[in-house]
Every structure is written in structure tokens, then in C-alpha cells.
Protein backbone atom coordinates (compact mmCIF):
# COMPACT_ATOMS: atom_id res chain seq x y z
CA UNK A 1 -28.19 -34.30 -27.04
CA UNK A 2 -25.59 -31.43 -27.78
CA UNK A 3 -23.81 -29.82 -25.24
CA UNK A 4 -23.49 -25.95 -25.66
CA UNK A 5 -19.99 -24.80 -24.59
CA UNK A 6 -18.84 -20.83 -24.41
CA UNK A 7 -16.26 -21.43 -26.13
CA UNK A 8 -14.26 -23.28 -29.18
CA UNK A 9 -11.18 -24.66 -29.62
CA UNK A 10 -8.78 -23.40 -32.43
CA UNK A 11 -5.75 -25.17 -33.55
CA UNK A 12 -2.51 -23.75 -31.77
CA UNK A 13 -0.67 -23.62 -35.33
CA UNK A 14 -3.64 -21.17 -36.83
CA UNK A 15 -2.53 -18.62 -34.18
CA UNK A 16 0.21 -15.77 -35.17
CA UNK A 17 2.59 -14.29 -32.88
CA UNK A 18 3.82 -11.19 -35.17
CA UNK A 19 0.76 -9.08 -34.54
CA UNK A 20 -1.46 -9.32 -31.81
CA UNK A 21 -4.99 -11.42 -32.89
CA UNK A 22 -7.02 -13.69 -31.56
CA UNK A 23 -5.72 -16.55 -29.34
CA UNK A 24 -2.53 -14.76 -28.10
CA UNK A 25 -1.09 -14.00 -24.54
CA UNK A 26 0.09 -10.09 -25.14
CA UNK A 27 1.99 -8.36 -22.75
CA UNK A 28 1.90 -4.91 -22.24
CA UNK A 29 3.60 -2.04 -20.40
CA UNK A 30 1.37 1.15 -19.29
CA UNK A 31 3.87 3.86 -18.86
CA UNK A 32 5.19 5.29 -16.12
CA UNK A 33 4.59 1.58 -14.31
CA UNK A 34 7.50 -0.95 -13.97
CA UNK A 35 6.21 -4.10 -14.39
CA UNK A 36 4.05 -5.25 -17.60
CA UNK A 37 0.82 -7.44 -17.59
CA UNK A 38 0.17 -10.29 -19.71
CA UNK A 39 -3.78 -10.66 -21.07
CA UNK A 40 -5.39 -12.99 -23.23
CA UNK A 41 -7.01 -12.04 -26.12
CA UNK A 42 -10.10 -14.25 -26.79
CA UNK A 43 -13.40 -14.16 -29.14
CA UNK A 44 -16.77 -13.14 -28.17
CA UNK A 45 -17.42 -14.77 -24.81
CA UNK A 46 -20.71 -15.69 -23.06
CA UNK A 47 -20.04 -15.77 -19.59
CA UNK A 48 -18.94 -13.72 -16.58
CA UNK A 49 -16.11 -11.81 -17.69
CA UNK A 50 -14.94 -10.35 -14.35
CA UNK A 51 -14.16 -13.76 -13.40
CA UNK A 52 -11.66 -13.70 -15.41
CA UNK A 53 -9.86 -9.98 -15.58
CA UNK A 54 -6.81 -10.43 -17.89
CA UNK A 55 -9.07 -12.36 -20.43
CA UNK A 56 -10.36 -9.54 -23.29
CA UNK A 57 -12.38 -9.85 -25.65
CA UNK A 58 -11.39 -8.80 -29.15
CA UNK A 59 -15.07 -6.88 -29.59
CA UNK A 60 -13.82 -4.77 -26.68
CA UNK A 61 -12.25 -0.99 -26.89
CA UNK A 62 -8.97 -1.91 -25.11
CA UNK A 63 -8.79 -5.42 -27.40
CA UNK A 64 -9.69 -3.53 -30.32
CA UNK A 65 -6.59 -1.38 -29.28
CA UNK A 66 -4.34 -4.03 -29.20
CA UNK A 67 -5.08 -5.90 -32.25
CA UNK A 68 -2.84 -5.66 -35.49
CA UNK A 69 0.15 -4.22 -33.65
CA UNK A 70 3.38 -6.00 -32.86
CA UNK A 71 6.27 -6.01 -30.15
CA UNK A 72 7.75 -2.41 -29.40
CA UNK A 73 4.71 -0.59 -30.46
CA UNK A 74 2.24 1.76 -28.75
CA UNK A 75 -1.38 2.44 -27.94
CA UNK A 76 -3.06 4.67 -25.86
CA UNK A 77 -6.65 4.79 -24.22
CA UNK A 78 -9.09 6.98 -22.54
CA UNK A 79 -9.61 5.41 -19.46
CA UNK A 80 -11.75 7.23 -16.82
CA UNK A 81 -11.54 10.54 -18.41
CA UNK A 82 -7.77 10.04 -19.03
CA UNK A 83 -5.29 9.43 -21.90
CA UNK A 84 -2.98 6.26 -21.07
CA UNK A 85 -0.19 5.53 -23.11
CA UNK A 86 0.73 1.67 -22.94
CA UNK A 87 3.12 -0.54 -25.15
CA UNK A 88 3.48 -4.03 -26.20
CA UNK A 89 6.23 -5.87 -24.85
CA UNK A 90 5.72 -9.66 -26.07
CA UNK A 91 3.13 -11.71 -27.73
CA UNK A 92 2.73 -15.45 -27.35
CA UNK A 93 0.22 -17.99 -28.13
CA UNK A 94 -1.89 -18.55 -25.61
CA UNK A 95 -0.85 -22.12 -24.14
CA UNK A 96 -2.86 -24.57 -22.45
CA UNK A 97 -0.26 -25.62 -20.20
């Protein structure tokens, strides 16, 4: 019997860190805030994302806004009717550790 898992493991050597993409841990600072937060950019997810608030799919508006961005690059999202500016401060490979 074949098991269906909601994720697929990819080779860590295929993940790039020069710009935001699939498999990255991305550190993002919201304008006006002192602390940055880490987000994990993954593919389509078939389970409850509300259990993992820092996991972002590349299909989501937030994911689409950050894909392809580089460190120190800004992006803007409309959140609750207000334009909010963010800055990418770090891009790393997601680590299993």
C-alpha cells in the first residue's frame, strides 16, 4: 500500500539563497517594527496552515510578494485595507535541524 504524505522532500542542494524561492527561510522586517520574523516558504500545502502561522505557500499573496526578492529588497502588501511595507533581511535554506 502506498502512503500519501502532504509534503515532498527536496534535495537541499537544489535550494538557492541569492533570492527568495521555494525551500527558503526568509527573515522579514515590517516597517516601523524593531524585530524581524522568520517565514518558511513552501509549496502547496494540503494541511491546516493555521497550525503553522510562519509557513507561507508560494501561491499565497504573501508568498507571491516575496518570491524572487533579494536581501535588502522591499515589498508592499495590503493588509486590512492598509499598505504595509516590508524588507527582506535574510534568506537561508530551510534546515531540518
